[in-house]
């Protein structure tokens, strides 16, 4: 597999100890599949003492399902940074209150009444729950949540361990429902995590805060950390990594803060760039 042009890479030698990658629009291709050579690249990283960590809005169980044995011992940043685990150890966890969860669910219901085509996912630590049950919505949610339960009323679920409420909008979330959600539930943080998703999260939670917790756990510095992302929920990852890459297909806000550019997700950009960095190890 060809490497990226040297102009899009940091100068050698590189002191790399941790690679953190978003999933959708970054590591996964246009069909939501892993690029060829991913498992081999992770094995190569491990042989050089380099950790790999996915950092995604996806559920922990879903990340383990999609990435498989390649990340069996890897740290994982899930649910947009509200949960960080390594094997059976929880490194970092943040939740929203029951009152905030109720407000988020009720606001999503109100938006549907106002003709927004939206639905809520209550993302708990161990399982996610939905009350909207039509096949198109269920199909979208099932892509990101492996442990998923359909209930008649989200407000009957245990609300004491809610990581976030994720709202799917069949239209453009950034231009539409995310603004209404931000205004209606000011106590939480509304993060646009893709064209169709808004995550209502704890005010202090982020992928960047999760990455900082992981770096402290592993004894890795920002100078030894590479990050890859494409969308706004990846933005503060770049505050904690000096080896920072925007995918060629990234949102302008990501391209503005990244030091270098990786090939697009449809061109195996993460795998190609990581192998090029491994070639430049000090």
C-alpha atoms as a PDB file:
ATOM      1  CA  UNK A   1       0.000   0.000   0.000  1.00  0.00           C
ATOM      2  CA  UNK A   2       1.580   3.338  -1.047  1.00  0.00           C
ATOM      3  CA  UNK A   3       2.526   5.797   1.676  1.00  0.00           C
ATOM      4  CA  UNK A   4       1.397   9.443   1.735  1.00  0.00           C
ATOM      5  CA  UNK A   5       3.690  12.008   0.134  1.00  0.00           C
ATOM      6  CA  UNK A   6       6.487  13.115   2.482  1.00  0.00           C
ATOM      7  CA  UNK A   7       5.218  16.697   2.368  1.00  0.00           C
ATOM      8  CA  UNK A   8       2.143  15.599   4.319  1.00  0.00           C
ATOM      9  CA  UNK A   9       4.158  13.946   7.102  1.00  0.00           C
ATOM     10  CA  UNK A  10       6.192  15.235  10.047  1.00  0.00           C
ATOM     11  CA  UNK A  11       9.964  15.122   9.580  1.00  0.00           C
ATOM     12  CA  UNK A  12      11.824  12.007  10.696  1.00  0.00           C
ATOM     13  CA  UNK A  13      12.596  10.742  13.246  1.00  0.00           C
ATOM     14  CA  UNK A  14       9.186  10.405  14.931  1.00  0.00           C
ATOM     15  CA  UNK A  15       8.663   9.469  18.588  1.00  0.00           C
ATOM     16  CA  UNK A  16       5.244   7.799  18.378  1.00  0.00           C
ATOM     17  CA  UNK A  17       3.610   6.006  21.305  1.00  0.00           C
ATOM     18  CA  UNK A  18      -0.156   6.417  20.795  1.00  0.00           C
ATOM     19  CA  UNK A  19      -2.396   6.580  17.715  1.00  0.00           C
ATOM     20  CA  UNK A  20      -5.968   7.796  18.223  1.00  0.00           C
ATOM     21  CA  UNK A  21      -8.463   7.609  15.375  1.00  0.00           C
ATOM     22  CA  UNK A  22     -12.077   8.527  14.883  1.00  0.00           C
ATOM     23  CA  UNK A  23     -14.140   5.879  13.104  1.00  0.00           C
ATOM     24  CA  UNK A  24     -16.807   7.142  10.684  1.00  0.00           C
ATOM     25  CA  UNK A  25     -15.373   9.319   7.949  1.00  0.00           C
ATOM     26  CA  UNK A  26     -11.871   8.632   9.271  1.00  0.00           C
ATOM     27  CA  UNK A  27     -10.790   5.022   9.762  1.00  0.00           C
ATOM     28  CA  UNK A  28     -13.797   3.336   8.118  1.00  0.00           C
ATOM     29  CA  UNK A  29     -14.297   3.551   4.366  1.00  0.00           C
ATOM     30  CA  UNK A  30     -17.337   4.947   2.564  1.00  0.00           C
ATOM     31  CA  UNK A  31     -19.265   1.724   3.216  1.00  0.00           C
ATOM     32  CA  UNK A  32     -18.463   1.728   6.934  1.00  0.00           C
ATOM     33  CA  UNK A  33     -15.890  -1.053   6.585  1.00  0.00           C
ATOM     34  CA  UNK A  34     -12.360  -1.373   7.909  1.00  0.00           C
ATOM     35  CA  UNK A  35      -9.638  -0.686   5.349  1.00  0.00           C
ATOM     36  CA  UNK A  36      -7.476  -3.508   4.092  1.00  0.00           C
ATOM     37  CA  UNK A  37      -4.411  -4.022   6.241  1.00  0.00           C
ATOM     38  CA  UNK A  38      -5.881  -2.568   9.431  1.00  0.00           C
ATOM     39  CA  UNK A  39      -5.212  -5.598  11.651  1.00  0.00           C
ATOM     40  CA  UNK A  40      -1.687  -5.961  10.277  1.00  0.00           C
ATOM     41  CA  UNK A  41      -1.005  -2.292  10.974  1.00  0.00           C
ATOM     42  CA  UNK A  42      -2.198  -2.620  14.577  1.00  0.00           C
ATOM     43  CA  UNK A  43       0.076  -5.647  15.011  1.00  0.00           C
ATOM     44  CA  UNK A  44       2.954  -3.605  13.628  1.00  0.00           C
ATOM     45  CA  UNK A  45       2.164  -0.767  16.051  1.00  0.00           C
ATOM     46  CA  UNK A  46       2.069  -3.185  18.966  1.00  0.00           C
ATOM     47  CA  UNK A  47       5.449  -4.652  17.970  1.00  0.00           C
ATOM     48  CA  UNK A  48       6.914  -1.140  18.188  1.00  0.00           C
ATOM     49  CA  UNK A  49       5.272  -0.383  21.533  1.00  0.00           C
ATOM     50  CA  UNK A  50       2.670   1.938  20.006  1.00  0.00           C
ATOM     51  CA  UNK A  51      -0.882   1.850  21.374  1.00  0.00           C
ATOM     52  CA  UNK A  52      -3.922   2.168  19.099  1.00  0.00           C
ATOM     53  CA  UNK A  53      -7.161   3.660  20.455  1.00  0.00           C
ATOM     54  CA  UNK A  54     -10.395   4.279  18.558  1.00  0.00           C
ATOM     55  CA  UNK A  55     -12.133   7.502  19.615  1.00  0.00           C
ATOM     56  CA  UNK A  56     -15.726   7.523  18.477  1.00  0.00           C
ATOM     57  CA  UNK A  57     -19.282   8.510  19.200  1.00  0.00           C
ATOM     58  CA  UNK A  58     -20.088   4.825  18.807  1.00  0.00           C
ATOM     59  CA  UNK A  59     -20.978   2.527  21.684  1.00  0.00           C
ATOM     60  CA  UNK A  60     -18.234   0.501  23.388  1.00  0.00           C
ATOM     61  CA  UNK A  61     -19.854  -2.815  22.420  1.00  0.00           C
ATOM     62  CA  UNK A  62     -20.175  -1.651  18.832  1.00  0.00           C
ATOM     63  CA  UNK A  63     -16.503  -0.650  18.620  1.00  0.00           C
ATOM     64  CA  UNK A  64     -15.439  -4.023  19.937  1.00  0.00           C
ATOM     65  CA  UNK A  65     -17.710  -5.731  17.423  1.00  0.00           C
ATOM     66  CA  UNK A  66     -16.532  -3.700  14.418  1.00  0.00           C
ATOM     67  CA  UNK A  67     -12.806  -3.693  15.238  1.00  0.00           C
ATOM     68  CA  UNK A  68     -12.660  -7.246  16.544  1.00  0.00           C
ATOM     69  CA  UNK A  69      -9.598  -8.984  17.938  1.00  0.00           C
ATOM     70  CA  UNK A  70      -7.279  -6.288  16.609  1.00  0.00           C
ATOM     71  CA  UNK A  71      -8.235  -4.133  19.627  1.00  0.00           C
ATOM     72  CA  UNK A  72      -8.691  -6.918  22.190  1.00  0.00           C
ATOM     73  CA  UNK A  73      -6.140  -5.304  24.525  1.00  0.00           C
ATOM     74  CA  UNK A  74      -6.378  -1.734  23.275  1.00  0.00           C
ATOM     75  CA  UNK A  75      -7.758   1.279  25.118  1.00  0.00           C
ATOM     76  CA  UNK A  76     -11.071   2.507  23.696  1.00  0.00           C
ATOM     77  CA  UNK A  77     -12.616   5.992  23.771  1.00  0.00           C
ATOM     78  CA  UNK A  78     -16.360   5.467  23.294  1.00  0.00           C
ATOM     79  CA  UNK A  79     -19.548   7.546  23.285  1.00  0.00           C
ATOM     80  CA  UNK A  80     -17.751  10.754  22.269  1.00  0.00           C
ATOM     81  CA  UNK A  81     -15.368  10.622  25.197  1.00  0.00           C
ATOM     82  CA  UNK A  82     -17.808   9.952  28.019  1.00  0.00           C
ATOM     83  CA  UNK A  83     -16.349   6.455  28.493  1.00  0.00           C
ATOM     84  CA  UNK A  84     -12.747   5.210  28.279  1.00  0.00           C
ATOM     85  CA  UNK A  85     -11.866   1.591  28.967  1.00  0.00           C
ATOM     86  CA  UNK A  86      -8.991  -0.821  28.534  1.00  0.00           C
ATOM     87  CA  UNK A  87     -10.102  -4.437  28.638  1.00  0.00           C
ATOM     88  CA  UNK A  88     -12.202  -4.586  31.853  1.00  0.00           C
ATOM     89  CA  UNK A  89     -10.816  -1.421  33.443  1.00  0.00           C
ATOM     90  CA  UNK A  90     -12.770   1.841  33.288  1.00  0.00           C
ATOM     91  CA  UNK A  91     -10.254   4.666  32.922  1.00  0.00           C
ATOM     92  CA  UNK A  92     -12.703   7.550  32.608  1.00  0.00           C
ATOM     93  CA  UNK A  93     -16.495   7.905  32.788  1.00  0.00           C
ATOM     94  CA  UNK A  94     -18.850  10.905  32.787  1.00  0.00           C
ATOM     95  CA  UNK A  95     -22.651  10.884  32.920  1.00  0.00           C
ATOM     96  CA  UNK A  96     -25.509  13.350  32.715  1.00  0.00           C
ATOM     97  CA  UNK A  97     -28.114  13.658  35.465  1.00  0.00           C
ATOM     98  CA  UNK A  98     -31.558  12.109  35.373  1.00  0.00           C
ATOM     99  CA  UNK A  99     -33.116  15.574  35.056  1.00  0.00           C
ATOM    100  CA  UNK A 100     -30.870  16.411  32.097  1.00  0.00           C
ATOM    101  CA  UNK A 101     -31.744  13.093  30.466  1.00  0.00           C
ATOM    102  CA  UNK A 102     -35.472  13.776  30.868  1.00  0.00           C
ATOM    103  CA  UNK A 103     -35.073  17.266  29.370  1.00  0.00           C
ATOM    104  CA  UNK A 104     -33.172  15.892  26.384  1.00  0.00           C
ATOM    105  CA  UNK A 105     -35.765  13.181  25.717  1.00  0.00           C
ATOM    106  CA  UNK A 106     -38.697  15.553  26.068  1.00  0.00           C
ATOM    107  CA  UNK A 107     -37.041  18.112  23.781  1.00  0.00           C
ATOM    108  CA  UNK A 108     -36.518  15.452  21.120  1.00  0.00           C
ATOM    109  CA  UNK A 109     -40.190  14.500  21.397  1.00  0.00           C
ATOM    110  CA  UNK A 110     -41.179  18.182  21.076  1.00  0.00           C
ATOM    111  CA  UNK A 111     -39.028  18.534  17.966  1.00  0.00           C
ATOM    112  CA  UNK A 112     -40.832  15.597  16.367  1.00  0.00           C
ATOM    113  CA  UNK A 113     -44.117  17.312  17.121  1.00  0.00           C
ATOM    114  CA  UNK A 114     -42.686  20.390  15.355  1.00  0.00           C
ATOM    115  CA  UNK A 115     -42.010  18.300  12.220  1.00  0.00           C
ATOM    116  CA  UNK A 116     -38.309  17.596  12.791  1.00  0.00           C
ATOM    117  CA  UNK A 117     -37.573  14.027  11.662  1.00  0.00           C
ATOM    118  CA  UNK A 118     -35.556  13.084  14.747  1.00  0.00           C
ATOM    119  CA  UNK A 119     -35.256  10.296  17.288  1.00  0.00           C
ATOM    120  CA  UNK A 120     -33.394   9.892  20.572  1.00  0.00           C
ATOM    121  CA  UNK A 121     -30.985   7.204  21.740  1.00  0.00           C
ATOM    122  CA  UNK A 122     -30.451   6.967  25.485  1.00  0.00           C
ATOM    123  CA  UNK A 123     -26.858   5.747  25.724  1.00  0.00           C
ATOM    124  CA  UNK A 124     -26.261   4.003  29.028  1.00  0.00           C
ATOM    125  CA  UNK A 125     -22.995   2.557  30.270  1.00  0.00           C
ATOM    126  CA  UNK A 126     -24.001  -1.022  29.406  1.00  0.00           C
ATOM    127  CA  UNK A 127     -26.870  -0.672  26.930  1.00  0.00           C
ATOM    128  CA  UNK A 128     -28.598   1.856  24.670  1.00  0.00           C
ATOM    129  CA  UNK A 129     -32.355   2.360  24.469  1.00  0.00           C
ATOM    130  CA  UNK A 130     -34.732   3.766  21.864  1.00  0.00           C
ATOM    131  CA  UNK A 131     -38.480   4.312  21.746  1.00  0.00           C
ATOM    132  CA  UNK A 132     -38.813   5.241  18.090  1.00  0.00           C
ATOM    133  CA  UNK A 133     -39.254   1.917  16.304  1.00  0.00           C
ATOM    134  CA  UNK A 134     -39.715   2.555  12.568  1.00  0.00           C
ATOM    135  CA  UNK A 135     -37.319   0.545  10.342  1.00  0.00           C
ATOM    136  CA  UNK A 136     -35.377   3.527   8.866  1.00  0.00           C
ATOM    137  CA  UNK A 137     -34.532   4.873  12.325  1.00  0.00           C
ATOM    138  CA  UNK A 138     -33.746   1.440  13.722  1.00  0.00           C
ATOM    139  CA  UNK A 139     -31.432   0.752  10.769  1.00  0.00           C
ATOM    140  CA  UNK A 140     -29.434   3.954  11.371  1.00  0.00           C
ATOM    141  CA  UNK A 141     -29.116   3.424  15.114  1.00  0.00           C
ATOM    142  CA  UNK A 142     -28.095  -0.226  14.729  1.00  0.00           C
ATOM    143  CA  UNK A 143     -24.979   0.850  12.833  1.00  0.00           C
ATOM    144  CA  UNK A 144     -23.543   2.444  15.967  1.00  0.00           C
ATOM    145  CA  UNK A 145     -25.131   0.559  18.882  1.00  0.00           C
ATOM    146  CA  UNK A 146     -24.570  -3.165  19.333  1.00  0.00           C
ATOM    147  CA  UNK A 147     -26.269  -3.514  22.709  1.00  0.00           C
ATOM    148  CA  UNK A 148     -29.651  -1.947  21.910  1.00  0.00           C
ATOM    149  CA  UNK A 149     -33.080  -2.342  23.477  1.00  0.00           C
ATOM    150  CA  UNK A 150     -36.379  -1.001  22.140  1.00  0.00           C
ATOM    151  CA  UNK A 151     -38.732   0.258  24.858  1.00  0.00           C
ATOM    152  CA  UNK A 152     -42.169   1.861  24.812  1.00  0.00           C
ATOM    153  CA  UNK A 153     -41.075   4.860  26.889  1.00  0.00           C
ATOM    154  CA  UNK A 154     -37.485   6.040  27.403  1.00  0.00           C
ATOM    155  CA  UNK A 155     -38.473   7.704  30.660  1.00  0.00           C
ATOM    156  CA  UNK A 156     -39.120   4.290  32.221  1.00  0.00           C
ATOM    157  CA  UNK A 157     -35.466   3.270  31.795  1.00  0.00           C
ATOM    158  CA  UNK A 158     -32.943   3.615  34.642  1.00  0.00           C
ATOM    159  CA  UNK A 159     -31.652   7.159  34.098  1.00  0.00           C
ATOM    160  CA  UNK A 160     -28.883   7.058  36.689  1.00  0.00           C
ATOM    161  CA  UNK A 161     -26.105   5.875  34.323  1.00  0.00           C
ATOM    162  CA  UNK A 162     -26.719   7.885  31.157  1.00  0.00           C
ATOM    163  CA  UNK A 163     -23.550   8.747  29.244  1.00  0.00           C
ATOM    164  CA  UNK A 164     -25.407  10.886  26.713  1.00  0.00           C
ATOM    165  CA  UNK A 165     -28.591  11.259  24.713  1.00  0.00           C
ATOM    166  CA  UNK A 166     -27.780  10.987  21.001  1.00  0.00           C
ATOM    167  CA  UNK A 167     -30.305  12.521  18.615  1.00  0.00           C
ATOM    168  CA  UNK A 168     -30.456  11.344  15.010  1.00  0.00           C
ATOM    169  CA  UNK A 169     -31.808  13.826  12.451  1.00  0.00           C
ATOM    170  CA  UNK A 170     -32.710  12.523   9.002  1.00  0.00           C
ATOM    171  CA  UNK A 171     -31.988  16.045   7.735  1.00  0.00           C
ATOM    172  CA  UNK A 172     -28.915  18.205   8.440  1.00  0.00           C
ATOM    173  CA  UNK A 173     -28.302  18.196  12.196  1.00  0.00           C
ATOM    174  CA  UNK A 174     -25.830  21.097  12.200  1.00  0.00           C
ATOM    175  CA  UNK A 175     -28.195  23.408  10.337  1.00  0.00           C
ATOM    176  CA  UNK A 176     -31.378  22.177  11.985  1.00  0.00           C
ATOM    177  CA  UNK A 177     -32.172  20.250  15.136  1.00  0.00           C
ATOM    178  CA  UNK A 178     -28.808  20.749  16.887  1.00  0.00           C
ATOM    179  CA  UNK A 179     -29.548  24.445  17.303  1.00  0.00           C
ATOM    180  CA  UNK A 180     -32.958  23.748  18.807  1.00  0.00           C
ATOM    181  CA  UNK A 181     -31.484  21.115  21.133  1.00  0.00           C
ATOM    182  CA  UNK A 182     -28.747  23.486  22.287  1.00  0.00           C
ATOM    183  CA  UNK A 183     -31.277  26.164  23.131  1.00  0.00           C
ATOM    184  CA  UNK A 184     -33.740  23.828  24.828  1.00  0.00           C
ATOM    185  CA  UNK A 185     -31.284  21.902  27.028  1.00  0.00           C
ATOM    186  CA  UNK A 186     -28.590  24.433  28.004  1.00  0.00           C
ATOM    187  CA  UNK A 187     -27.456  22.403  31.023  1.00  0.00           C
ATOM    188  CA  UNK A 188     -25.743  19.842  28.769  1.00  0.00           C
ATOM    189  CA  UNK A 189     -23.228  20.086  25.976  1.00  0.00           C
ATOM    190  CA  UNK A 190     -24.608  19.649  22.451  1.00  0.00           C
ATOM    191  CA  UNK A 191     -21.935  18.241  20.126  1.00  0.00           C
ATOM    192  CA  UNK A 192     -22.567  17.739  16.408  1.00  0.00           C
ATOM    193  CA  UNK A 193     -20.838  14.423  15.766  1.00  0.00           C
ATOM    194  CA  UNK A 194     -21.761  13.919  12.119  1.00  0.00           C
ATOM    195  CA  UNK A 195     -24.071  15.160   9.428  1.00  0.00           C
ATOM    196  CA  UNK A 196     -27.078  13.615  11.173  1.00  0.00           C
ATOM    197  CA  UNK A 197     -26.098  13.246  14.845  1.00  0.00           C
ATOM    198  CA  UNK A 198     -26.106  15.552  17.868  1.00  0.00           C
ATOM    199  CA  UNK A 199     -24.854  14.209  21.195  1.00  0.00           C
ATOM    200  CA  UNK A 200     -26.202  15.767  24.402  1.00  0.00           C
ATOM    201  CA  UNK A 201     -23.404  15.102  26.869  1.00  0.00           C
ATOM    202  CA  UNK A 202     -21.969  16.151  30.234  1.00  0.00           C
ATOM    203  CA  UNK A 203     -20.705  19.750  30.017  1.00  0.00           C
ATOM    204  CA  UNK A 204     -17.069  18.751  30.560  1.00  0.00           C
ATOM    205  CA  UNK A 205     -17.023  15.588  28.435  1.00  0.00           C
ATOM    206  CA  UNK A 206     -15.134  15.431  25.160  1.00  0.00           C
ATOM    207  CA  UNK A 207     -12.859  13.197  23.171  1.00  0.00           C
ATOM    208  CA  UNK A 208      -9.998  15.511  24.110  1.00  0.00           C
ATOM    209  CA  UNK A 209     -10.643  15.204  27.849  1.00  0.00           C
ATOM    210  CA  UNK A 210     -10.872  11.434  27.416  1.00  0.00           C
ATOM    211  CA  UNK A 211      -7.593  11.418  25.496  1.00  0.00           C
ATOM    212  CA  UNK A 212      -5.886  13.393  28.283  1.00  0.00           C
ATOM    213  CA  UNK A 213      -7.073  10.796  30.818  1.00  0.00           C
ATOM    214  CA  UNK A 214      -5.761   8.019  28.600  1.00  0.00           C
ATOM    215  CA  UNK A 215      -2.391   9.729  28.113  1.00  0.00           C
ATOM    216  CA  UNK A 216      -2.033  10.076  31.885  1.00  0.00           C
ATOM    217  CA  UNK A 217      -2.849   6.395  32.306  1.00  0.00           C
ATOM    218  CA  UNK A 218      -0.320   5.277  29.672  1.00  0.00           C
ATOM    219  CA  UNK A 219       2.395   7.813  30.466  1.00  0.00           C
ATOM    220  CA  UNK A 220       2.264   9.222  26.923  1.00  0.00           C
ATOM    221  CA  UNK A 221       2.782  12.889  26.047  1.00  0.00           C
ATOM    222  CA  UNK A 222       1.036  14.980  23.351  1.00  0.00           C
ATOM    223  CA  UNK A 223       4.322  15.004  21.434  1.00  0.00           C
ATOM    224  CA  UNK A 224       4.120  11.190  21.256  1.00  0.00           C
ATOM    225  CA  UNK A 225       0.462  11.133  20.177  1.00  0.00           C
ATOM    226  CA  UNK A 226      -0.985  11.050  16.660  1.00  0.00           C
ATOM    227  CA  UNK A 227      -4.666  11.814  16.072  1.00  0.00           C
ATOM    228  CA  UNK A 228      -6.883  11.405  13.012  1.00  0.00           C
ATOM    229  CA  UNK A 229     -10.344  12.942  12.622  1.00  0.00           C
ATOM    230  CA  UNK A 230     -12.837  14.375  10.201  1.00  0.00           C
ATOM    231  CA  UNK A 231     -15.686  16.087  12.058  1.00  0.00           C
ATOM    232  CA  UNK A 232     -16.419  18.657  14.759  1.00  0.00           C
ATOM    233  CA  UNK A 233     -16.671  16.176  17.632  1.00  0.00           C
ATOM    234  CA  UNK A 234     -13.005  15.371  16.968  1.00  0.00           C
ATOM    235  CA  UNK A 235     -11.915  18.995  17.348  1.00  0.00           C
ATOM    236  CA  UNK A 236     -10.471  19.001  20.845  1.00  0.00           C
ATOM    237  CA  UNK A 237      -8.469  15.823  20.224  1.00  0.00           C
ATOM    238  CA  UNK A 238      -6.119  18.191  18.417  1.00  0.00           C
ATOM    239  CA  UNK A 239      -5.404  20.102  21.633  1.00  0.00           C
ATOM    240  CA  UNK A 240      -3.713  16.987  23.034  1.00  0.00           C
ATOM    241  CA  UNK A 241      -1.615  15.751  20.104  1.00  0.00           C
ATOM    242  CA  UNK A 242       1.281  17.260  18.196  1.00  0.00           C
ATOM    243  CA  UNK A 243       1.165  14.627  15.438  1.00  0.00           C
ATOM    244  CA  UNK A 244      -2.248  15.777  14.224  1.00  0.00           C
ATOM    245  CA  UNK A 245      -3.838  14.812  10.913  1.00  0.00           C
ATOM    246  CA  UNK A 246      -7.038  15.931   9.222  1.00  0.00           C
ATOM    247  CA  UNK A 247      -8.497  13.515   6.726  1.00  0.00           C
ATOM    248  CA  UNK A 248      -8.617  14.883   3.174  1.00  0.00           C
ATOM    249  CA  UNK A 249     -12.412  14.674   3.475  1.00  0.00           C
ATOM    250  CA  UNK A 250     -12.499  16.497   6.838  1.00  0.00           C
ATOM    251  CA  UNK A 251     -14.734  19.377   7.923  1.00  0.00           C
ATOM    252  CA  UNK A 252     -13.024  22.775   7.402  1.00  0.00           C
ATOM    253  CA  UNK A 253     -12.863  23.239  11.170  1.00  0.00           C
ATOM    254  CA  UNK A 254     -10.685  20.133  11.475  1.00  0.00           C
ATOM    255  CA  UNK A 255      -8.450  21.069   8.558  1.00  0.00           C
ATOM    256  CA  UNK A 256      -7.866  24.451  10.182  1.00  0.00           C
ATOM    257  CA  UNK A 257      -6.296  22.987  13.353  1.00  0.00           C
ATOM    258  CA  UNK A 258      -4.468  19.886  12.079  1.00  0.00           C
ATOM    259  CA  UNK A 259      -0.756  20.067  11.330  1.00  0.00           C
ATOM    260  CA  UNK A 260      -0.869  17.611   8.442  1.00  0.00           C
ATOM    261  CA  UNK A 261      -3.367  15.997   6.047  1.00  0.00           C
ATOM    262  CA  UNK A 262      -3.991  12.269   5.608  1.00  0.00           C
ATOM    263  CA  UNK A 263      -5.559  10.716   2.511  1.00  0.00           C
ATOM    264  CA  UNK A 264      -9.343  10.384   2.623  1.00  0.00           C
ATOM    265  CA  UNK A 265     -11.088   7.632   4.558  1.00  0.00           C
ATOM    266  CA  UNK A 266     -12.105   6.133   1.213  1.00  0.00           C
ATOM    267  CA  UNK A 267      -8.386   5.812   0.387  1.00  0.00           C
ATOM    268  CA  UNK A 268      -7.290   4.013   3.587  1.00  0.00           C
ATOM    269  CA  UNK A 269      -5.842   7.274   4.867  1.00  0.00           C
ATOM    270  CA  UNK A 270      -5.301   6.243   8.496  1.00  0.00           C
ATOM    271  CA  UNK A 271      -3.629   2.919   7.694  1.00  0.00           C
ATOM    272  CA  UNK A 272      -1.407   4.455   5.020  1.00  0.00           C
ATOM    273  CA  UNK A 273      -0.308   7.331   7.235  1.00  0.00           C
ATOM    274  CA  UNK A 274       0.289   5.230  10.343  1.00  0.00           C
ATOM    275  CA  UNK A 275       2.534   2.872   8.361  1.00  0.00           C
ATOM    276  CA  UNK A 276       4.444   5.884   7.053  1.00  0.00           C
ATOM    277  CA  UNK A 277       4.895   7.143  10.633  1.00  0.00           C
ATOM    278  CA  UNK A 278       6.123   3.730  11.747  1.00  0.00           C
ATOM    279  CA  UNK A 279       8.705   3.910   8.970  1.00  0.00           C
ATOM    280  CA  UNK A 280       9.968   7.136  10.580  1.00  0.00           C
ATOM    281  CA  UNK A 281      10.208   5.955  14.189  1.00  0.00           C
ATOM    282  CA  UNK A 282      13.163   7.221  16.148  1.00  0.00           C
END
